[in-house]
Amino acid sequence: MSSGIQVKTKTAAQKSKAYSPELQSKPSDKLNPKTIDPFGAHSQQPSAFAATYARGGIPCRLVHGSVKHKLQWECLPETIPFDPLLITLVEGLRETRHPYTFVSKEGFKELLLVEGAAEKAIPLLPRLVPVLKTTLAHADDEVFDRGLDALVQLSAVVGPSLNDHLKFLLTNLLRRLMDKKFREKVTVALQKLEQYGGKGTVAIIKSKIPTYSSIYS
């Protein structure tokens, strides 16, 4: 008899657990909480830029500040060869994850600010422009935005030397010019390109964007 009572008692307990609202609501969640990987599948297959950054191939690191972030260089930026670092940083503009987005954008900007940047950057234009073109063709708005900023920064440094390569980039600018969200920024960027590239830049821009109005007209 006692054995039969024990079986019934056990069954009742099982029923109680089965219908407990607290335990029915994903009981395993409390025992094994899910850990979200911020990098998702990308952590298993890092991009070329992320891999280069991880092995110390980019001589600067992100320093988190209380108000804003900044880069800390392992040596003076003016002592660093632009080849291949400047190209690597442009490739990093296509990143969509932190800290690579900040490192690539800020690193490119700061490298172009060093003394003699023009002499170092101009010979690299045939290799820089195709990478910039890919960045400007990216579907991600923030990637395009970084690419556009980088293009203007590069133009400010190399001046008319960019004109021979500019036509390869204008198709992507035209596409975004048709987007109301980017119309004003692309227009300003084109004006900057004309300003830094000189009057010869106007004919190049108009060859791809006939509606462009020169800042000199």
C-alpha atoms as a PDB file:
ATOM      1  CA  MET A   1       0.000   0.000   0.000  1.00  0.00           C
ATOM      2  CA  SER A   2       2.776   2.436   0.931  1.00  0.00           C
ATOM      3  CA  SER A   3       4.417   1.769  -2.428  1.00  0.00           C
ATOM      4  CA  GLY A   4       1.210   2.674  -4.257  1.00  0.00           C
ATOM      5  CA  ILE A   5       0.854   5.885  -2.259  1.00  0.00           C
ATOM      6  CA  GLN A   6       4.417   6.895  -3.159  1.00  0.00           C
ATOM      7  CA  VAL A   7       3.731   6.426  -6.873  1.00  0.00           C
ATOM      8  CA  LYS A   8       0.571   8.563  -6.701  1.00  0.00           C
ATOM      9  CA  THR A   9       2.390  11.243  -4.690  1.00  0.00           C
ATOM     10  CA  LYS A  10       5.199  11.357  -7.289  1.00  0.00           C
ATOM     11  CA  THR A  11       2.713  11.652 -10.121  1.00  0.00           C
ATOM     12  CA  ALA A  12       0.952  14.539  -8.420  1.00  0.00           C
ATOM     13  CA  ALA A  13       4.240  16.324  -7.961  1.00  0.00           C
ATOM     14  CA  GLN A  14       5.058  15.870 -11.626  1.00  0.00           C
ATOM     15  CA  LYS A  15       1.672  17.309 -12.585  1.00  0.00           C
ATOM     16  CA  SER A  16       2.244  20.260 -10.303  1.00  0.00           C
ATOM     17  CA  LYS A  17       5.578  21.004 -11.959  1.00  0.00           C
ATOM     18  CA  ALA A  18       4.148  20.563 -15.444  1.00  0.00           C
ATOM     19  CA  TYR A  19       1.476  23.200 -14.891  1.00  0.00           C
ATOM     20  CA  SER A  20       3.551  25.665 -12.900  1.00  0.00           C
ATOM     21  CA  PRO A  21       3.422  28.989 -14.828  1.00  0.00           C
ATOM     22  CA  GLU A  22       6.876  29.906 -13.575  1.00  0.00           C
ATOM     23  CA  LEU A  23       8.472  26.696 -14.815  1.00  0.00           C
ATOM     24  CA  GLN A  24       6.507  26.614 -18.052  1.00  0.00           C
ATOM     25  CA  SER A  25       7.990  29.942 -19.107  1.00  0.00           C
ATOM     26  CA  LYS A  26      11.251  28.585 -20.546  1.00  0.00           C
ATOM     27  CA  PRO A  27      12.639  26.955 -17.373  1.00  0.00           C
ATOM     28  CA  SER A  28      16.058  26.412 -18.950  1.00  0.00           C
ATOM     29  CA  ASP A  29      16.561  30.174 -19.438  1.00  0.00           C
ATOM     30  CA  LYS A  30      17.259  30.690 -15.736  1.00  0.00           C
ATOM     31  CA  LEU A  31      19.667  27.792 -15.569  1.00  0.00           C
ATOM     32  CA  ASN A  32      21.451  28.470 -18.869  1.00  0.00           C
ATOM     33  CA  PRO A  33      21.089  32.144 -19.851  1.00  0.00           C
ATOM     34  CA  LYS A  34      21.897  32.891 -23.480  1.00  0.00           C
ATOM     35  CA  THR A  35      25.098  34.766 -24.124  1.00  0.00           C
ATOM     36  CA  ILE A  36      24.896  37.105 -27.092  1.00  0.00           C
ATOM     37  CA  ASP A  37      28.031  37.238 -29.216  1.00  0.00           C
ATOM     38  CA  PRO A  38      28.341  40.901 -30.299  1.00  0.00           C
ATOM     39  CA  PHE A  39      30.246  39.855 -33.401  1.00  0.00           C
ATOM     40  CA  GLY A  40      27.983  36.935 -34.345  1.00  0.00           C
ATOM     41  CA  ALA A  41      29.246  34.722 -37.127  1.00  0.00           C
ATOM     42  CA  HIS A  42      31.870  37.310 -38.045  1.00  0.00           C
ATOM     43  CA  SER A  43      33.886  36.388 -34.967  1.00  0.00           C
ATOM     44  CA  GLN A  44      34.653  33.046 -36.599  1.00  0.00           C
ATOM     45  CA  GLN A  45      35.661  34.592 -39.911  1.00  0.00           C
ATOM     46  CA  PRO A  46      37.260  37.979 -39.253  1.00  0.00           C
ATOM     47  CA  SER A  47      37.690  40.379 -42.134  1.00  0.00           C
ATOM     48  CA  ALA A  48      41.148  41.095 -43.506  1.00  0.00           C
ATOM     49  CA  PHE A  49      41.191  44.414 -41.636  1.00  0.00           C
ATOM     50  CA  ALA A  50      40.100  42.828 -38.349  1.00  0.00           C
ATOM     51  CA  ALA A  51      42.739  40.130 -38.722  1.00  0.00           C
ATOM     52  CA  THR A  52      45.432  42.719 -39.444  1.00  0.00           C
ATOM     53  CA  TYR A  53      44.344  44.773 -36.442  1.00  0.00           C
ATOM     54  CA  ALA A  54      44.329  41.693 -34.181  1.00  0.00           C
ATOM     55  CA  ARG A  55      47.897  40.744 -35.045  1.00  0.00           C
ATOM     56  CA  GLY A  56      49.193  44.285 -34.530  1.00  0.00           C
ATOM     57  CA  GLY A  57      49.518  45.183 -38.195  1.00  0.00           C
ATOM     58  CA  ILE A  58      47.904  48.569 -37.596  1.00  0.00           C
ATOM     59  CA  PRO A  59      50.181  50.608 -35.309  1.00  0.00           C
ATOM     60  CA  CYS A  60      47.473  52.343 -33.293  1.00  0.00           C
ATOM     61  CA  ARG A  61      44.859  51.402 -30.739  1.00  0.00           C
ATOM     62  CA  LEU A  62      41.563  52.807 -29.603  1.00  0.00           C
ATOM     63  CA  VAL A  63      41.611  54.651 -26.288  1.00  0.00           C
ATOM     64  CA  HIS A  64      38.201  55.018 -24.659  1.00  0.00           C
ATOM     65  CA  GLY A  65      37.667  58.483 -23.226  1.00  0.00           C
ATOM     66  CA  SER A  66      34.951  59.744 -20.919  1.00  0.00           C
ATOM     67  CA  VAL A  67      33.622  62.071 -23.628  1.00  0.00           C
ATOM     68  CA  LYS A  68      35.045  60.779 -26.890  1.00  0.00           C
ATOM     69  CA  HIS A  69      37.426  58.120 -28.177  1.00  0.00           C
ATOM     70  CA  LYS A  70      40.871  58.744 -29.608  1.00  0.00           C
ATOM     71  CA  LEU A  71      43.717  56.821 -31.171  1.00  0.00           C
ATOM     72  CA  GLN A  72      47.002  56.075 -29.507  1.00  0.00           C
ATOM     73  CA  TRP A  73      49.816  55.499 -31.992  1.00  0.00           C
ATOM     74  CA  GLU A  74      52.668  53.139 -31.211  1.00  0.00           C
ATOM     75  CA  CYS A  75      55.040  55.579 -32.913  1.00  0.00           C
ATOM     76  CA  LEU A  76      54.775  59.017 -34.473  1.00  0.00           C
ATOM     77  CA  PRO A  77      52.411  58.853 -37.469  1.00  0.00           C
ATOM     78  CA  GLU A  78      54.838  60.856 -39.604  1.00  0.00           C
ATOM     79  CA  THR A  79      57.403  58.069 -39.277  1.00  0.00           C
ATOM     80  CA  ILE A  80      55.038  55.368 -40.567  1.00  0.00           C
ATOM     81  CA  PRO A  81      55.229  54.352 -44.258  1.00  0.00           C
ATOM     82  CA  PHE A  82      51.956  55.055 -46.065  1.00  0.00           C
ATOM     83  CA  ASP A  83      52.382  51.873 -48.063  1.00  0.00           C
ATOM     84  CA  PRO A  84      50.502  49.718 -47.162  1.00  0.00           C
ATOM     85  CA  LEU A  85      48.952  51.337 -44.054  1.00  0.00           C
ATOM     86  CA  LEU A  86      46.958  54.039 -45.843  1.00  0.00           C
ATOM     87  CA  ILE A  87      45.450  51.442 -48.185  1.00  0.00           C
ATOM     88  CA  THR A  88      44.698  49.111 -45.278  1.00  0.00           C
ATOM     89  CA  LEU A  89      42.874  51.906 -43.448  1.00  0.00           C
ATOM     90  CA  VAL A  90      40.749  52.659 -46.521  1.00  0.00           C
ATOM     91  CA  GLU A  91      39.855  48.972 -46.709  1.00  0.00           C
ATOM     92  CA  GLY A  92      38.798  49.215 -43.067  1.00  0.00           C
ATOM     93  CA  LEU A  93      36.256  51.903 -43.916  1.00  0.00           C
ATOM     94  CA  ARG A  94      33.981  49.085 -45.073  1.00  0.00           C
ATOM     95  CA  GLU A  95      33.889  47.631 -41.570  1.00  0.00           C
ATOM     96  CA  THR A  96      30.590  47.800 -39.707  1.00  0.00           C
ATOM     97  CA  ARG A  97      31.792  46.779 -36.247  1.00  0.00           C
ATOM     98  CA  HIS A  98      33.451  48.591 -33.383  1.00  0.00           C
ATOM     99  CA  PRO A  99      36.340  49.323 -32.897  1.00  0.00           C
ATOM    100  CA  TYR A 100      37.271  48.823 -36.556  1.00  0.00           C
ATOM    101  CA  THR A 101      34.917  51.547 -37.789  1.00  0.00           C
ATOM    102  CA  PHE A 102      36.555  54.159 -35.563  1.00  0.00           C
ATOM    103  CA  VAL A 103      40.139  52.973 -36.047  1.00  0.00           C
ATOM    104  CA  SER A 104      39.923  52.974 -39.846  1.00  0.00           C
ATOM    105  CA  LYS A 105      38.187  56.350 -40.130  1.00  0.00           C
ATOM    106  CA  GLU A 106      40.269  58.189 -37.538  1.00  0.00           C
ATOM    107  CA  GLY A 107      43.509  56.478 -38.551  1.00  0.00           C
ATOM    108  CA  PHE A 108      43.048  57.490 -42.203  1.00  0.00           C
ATOM    109  CA  LYS A 109      42.263  61.061 -41.184  1.00  0.00           C
ATOM    110  CA  GLU A 110      45.236  61.413 -38.842  1.00  0.00           C
ATOM    111  CA  LEU A 111      47.682  59.822 -41.251  1.00  0.00           C
ATOM    112  CA  LEU A 112      46.746  62.366 -43.927  1.00  0.00           C
ATOM    113  CA  LEU A 113      47.455  65.193 -41.479  1.00  0.00           C
ATOM    114  CA  VAL A 114      51.165  64.427 -41.133  1.00  0.00           C
ATOM    115  CA  GLU A 115      53.797  66.576 -42.772  1.00  0.00           C
ATOM    116  CA  GLY A 116      54.565  65.429 -46.301  1.00  0.00           C
ATOM    117  CA  ALA A 117      51.316  63.470 -46.594  1.00  0.00           C
ATOM    118  CA  ALA A 118      50.741  64.601 -50.198  1.00  0.00           C
ATOM    119  CA  GLU A 119      54.077  63.261 -51.418  1.00  0.00           C
ATOM    120  CA  LYS A 120      53.378  59.946 -49.711  1.00  0.00           C
ATOM    121  CA  ALA A 121      49.734  59.605 -50.798  1.00  0.00           C
ATOM    122  CA  ILE A 122      49.910  60.650 -54.470  1.00  0.00           C
ATOM    123  CA  PRO A 123      51.906  57.595 -55.631  1.00  0.00           C
ATOM    124  CA  LEU A 124      49.297  55.365 -53.957  1.00  0.00           C
ATOM    125  CA  LEU A 125      46.280  56.856 -55.766  1.00  0.00           C
ATOM    126  CA  PRO A 126      46.049  54.072 -58.397  1.00  0.00           C
ATOM    127  CA  ARG A 127      45.636  51.599 -55.542  1.00  0.00           C
ATOM    128  CA  LEU A 128      43.605  53.796 -53.196  1.00  0.00           C
ATOM    129  CA  VAL A 129      40.894  54.814 -55.662  1.00  0.00           C
ATOM    130  CA  PRO A 130      39.609  51.288 -56.468  1.00  0.00           C
ATOM    131  CA  VAL A 131      39.272  50.602 -52.732  1.00  0.00           C
ATOM    132  CA  LEU A 132      37.470  53.902 -52.214  1.00  0.00           C
ATOM    133  CA  LYS A 133      35.187  53.076 -55.134  1.00  0.00           C
ATOM    134  CA  THR A 134      34.158  49.825 -53.443  1.00  0.00           C
ATOM    135  CA  THR A 135      33.518  51.710 -50.211  1.00  0.00           C
ATOM    136  CA  LEU A 136      31.339  54.299 -51.953  1.00  0.00           C
ATOM    137  CA  ALA A 137      29.362  51.507 -53.631  1.00  0.00           C
ATOM    138  CA  HIS A 138      28.589  49.829 -50.295  1.00  0.00           C
ATOM    139  CA  ALA A 139      24.897  49.441 -49.430  1.00  0.00           C
ATOM    140  CA  ASP A 140      25.428  50.433 -45.797  1.00  0.00           C
ATOM    141  CA  ASP A 141      24.769  54.164 -45.333  1.00  0.00           C
ATOM    142  CA  GLU A 142      27.401  54.580 -42.649  1.00  0.00           C
ATOM    143  CA  VAL A 143      30.042  52.892 -44.790  1.00  0.00           C
ATOM    144  CA  PHE A 144      29.230  55.229 -47.676  1.00  0.00           C
ATOM    145  CA  ASP A 145      29.344  58.182 -45.305  1.00  0.00           C
ATOM    146  CA  ARG A 146      32.839  57.244 -44.117  1.00  0.00           C
ATOM    147  CA  GLY A 147      33.962  56.715 -47.687  1.00  0.00           C
ATOM    148  CA  LEU A 148      32.692  60.133 -48.726  1.00  0.00           C
ATOM    149  CA  ASP A 149      34.481  61.819 -45.831  1.00  0.00           C
ATOM    150  CA  ALA A 150      37.670  59.963 -46.724  1.00  0.00           C
ATOM    151  CA  LEU A 151      37.397  61.038 -50.368  1.00  0.00           C
ATOM    152  CA  VAL A 152      37.117  64.698 -49.406  1.00  0.00           C
ATOM    153  CA  GLN A 153      40.030  64.376 -46.975  1.00  0.00           C
ATOM    154  CA  LEU A 154      42.148  62.741 -49.648  1.00  0.00           C
ATOM    155  CA  SER A 155      41.239  65.436 -52.169  1.00  0.00           C
ATOM    156  CA  ALA A 156      42.253  68.146 -49.703  1.00  0.00           C
ATOM    157  CA  VAL A 157      45.709  66.571 -49.456  1.00  0.00           C
ATOM    158  CA  VAL A 158      46.491  65.514 -53.034  1.00  0.00           C
ATOM    159  CA  GLY A 159      44.596  68.303 -54.822  1.00  0.00           C
ATOM    160  CA  PRO A 160      44.507  68.128 -58.664  1.00  0.00           C
ATOM    161  CA  SER A 161      46.383  64.819 -58.608  1.00  0.00           C
ATOM    162  CA  LEU A 162      43.054  63.147 -57.865  1.00  0.00           C
ATOM    163  CA  ASN A 163      41.470  64.419 -61.101  1.00  0.00           C
ATOM    164  CA  ASP A 164      42.863  61.614 -63.247  1.00  0.00           C
ATOM    165  CA  HIS A 165      41.100  59.094 -60.998  1.00  0.00           C
ATOM    166  CA  LEU A 166      37.962  61.036 -60.080  1.00  0.00           C
ATOM    167  CA  LYS A 167      35.765  59.774 -62.924  1.00  0.00           C
ATOM    168  CA  PHE A 168      35.916  56.260 -61.487  1.00  0.00           C
ATOM    169  CA  LEU A 169      34.199  57.451 -58.306  1.00  0.00           C
ATOM    170  CA  LEU A 170      31.497  59.738 -59.652  1.00  0.00           C
ATOM    171  CA  THR A 171      28.981  57.072 -60.656  1.00  0.00           C
ATOM    172  CA  ASN A 172      28.620  56.008 -57.034  1.00  0.00           C
ATOM    173  CA  LEU A 173      28.277  59.643 -55.955  1.00  0.00           C
ATOM    174  CA  LEU A 174      25.549  60.193 -58.545  1.00  0.00           C
ATOM    175  CA  ARG A 175      23.593  57.238 -57.222  1.00  0.00           C
ATOM    176  CA  ARG A 176      23.634  58.666 -53.695  1.00  0.00           C
ATOM    177  CA  LEU A 177      22.943  62.156 -55.002  1.00  0.00           C
ATOM    178  CA  MET A 178      19.547  60.853 -56.063  1.00  0.00           C
ATOM    179  CA  ASP A 179      18.880  59.848 -52.451  1.00  0.00           C
ATOM    180  CA  LYS A 180      17.270  62.737 -50.587  1.00  0.00           C
ATOM    181  CA  LYS A 181      19.048  61.636 -47.424  1.00  0.00           C
ATOM    182  CA  PHE A 182      22.493  62.211 -48.940  1.00  0.00           C
ATOM    183  CA  ARG A 183      21.777  64.897 -51.537  1.00  0.00           C
ATOM    184  CA  GLU A 184      23.108  67.812 -49.525  1.00  0.00           C
ATOM    185  CA  LYS A 185      26.208  66.025 -48.270  1.00  0.00           C
ATOM    186  CA  VAL A 186      27.161  64.689 -51.707  1.00  0.00           C
ATOM    187  CA  THR A 187      26.652  68.150 -53.218  1.00  0.00           C
ATOM    188  CA  VAL A 188      28.955  69.693 -50.608  1.00  0.00           C
ATOM    189  CA  ALA A 189      31.491  66.933 -51.226  1.00  0.00           C
ATOM    190  CA  LEU A 190      31.471  67.630 -54.973  1.00  0.00           C
ATOM    191  CA  GLN A 191      32.027  71.320 -54.275  1.00  0.00           C
ATOM    192  CA  LYS A 192      34.975  70.425 -52.057  1.00  0.00           C
ATOM    193  CA  LEU A 193      36.407  68.205 -54.788  1.00  0.00           C
ATOM    194  CA  GLU A 194      36.153  71.114 -57.213  1.00  0.00           C
ATOM    195  CA  GLN A 195      37.705  73.494 -54.697  1.00  0.00           C
ATOM    196  CA  TYR A 196      40.693  71.242 -54.061  1.00  0.00           C
ATOM    197  CA  GLY A 197      41.016  69.961 -57.625  1.00  0.00           C
ATOM    198  CA  GLY A 198      40.744  73.278 -59.419  1.00  0.00           C
ATOM    199  CA  LYS A 199      38.663  74.412 -62.375  1.00  0.00           C
ATOM    200  CA  GLY A 200      39.636  71.343 -64.394  1.00  0.00           C
ATOM    201  CA  THR A 201      37.572  69.300 -61.979  1.00  0.00           C
ATOM    202  CA  VAL A 202      34.295  70.785 -63.192  1.00  0.00           C
ATOM    203  CA  ALA A 203      34.437  69.136 -66.621  1.00  0.00           C
ATOM    204  CA  ILE A 204      35.210  65.786 -65.000  1.00  0.00           C
ATOM    205  CA  ILE A 205      32.290  66.049 -62.592  1.00  0.00           C
ATOM    206  CA  LYS A 206      29.879  67.192 -65.319  1.00  0.00           C
ATOM    207  CA  SER A 207      30.867  64.266 -67.517  1.00  0.00           C
ATOM    208  CA  LYS A 208      29.164  61.969 -65.002  1.00  0.00           C
ATOM    209  CA  ILE A 209      26.846  64.408 -63.214  1.00  0.00           C
ATOM    210  CA  PRO A 210      25.571  66.899 -65.837  1.00  0.00           C
ATOM    211  CA  THR A 211      23.350  68.692 -63.334  1.00  0.00           C
ATOM    212  CA  TYR A 212      26.294  69.764 -61.170  1.00  0.00           C
ATOM    213  CA  SER A 213      26.685  73.541 -60.809  1.00  0.00           C
ATOM    214  CA  SER A 214      30.226  74.849 -60.408  1.00  0.00           C
ATOM    215  CA  ILE A 215      31.103  76.878 -57.345  1.00  0.00           C
ATOM    216  CA  TYR A 216      32.717  79.378 -59.730  1.00  0.00           C
ATOM    217  CA  SER A 217      29.591  79.963 -61.826  1.00  0.00           C
END
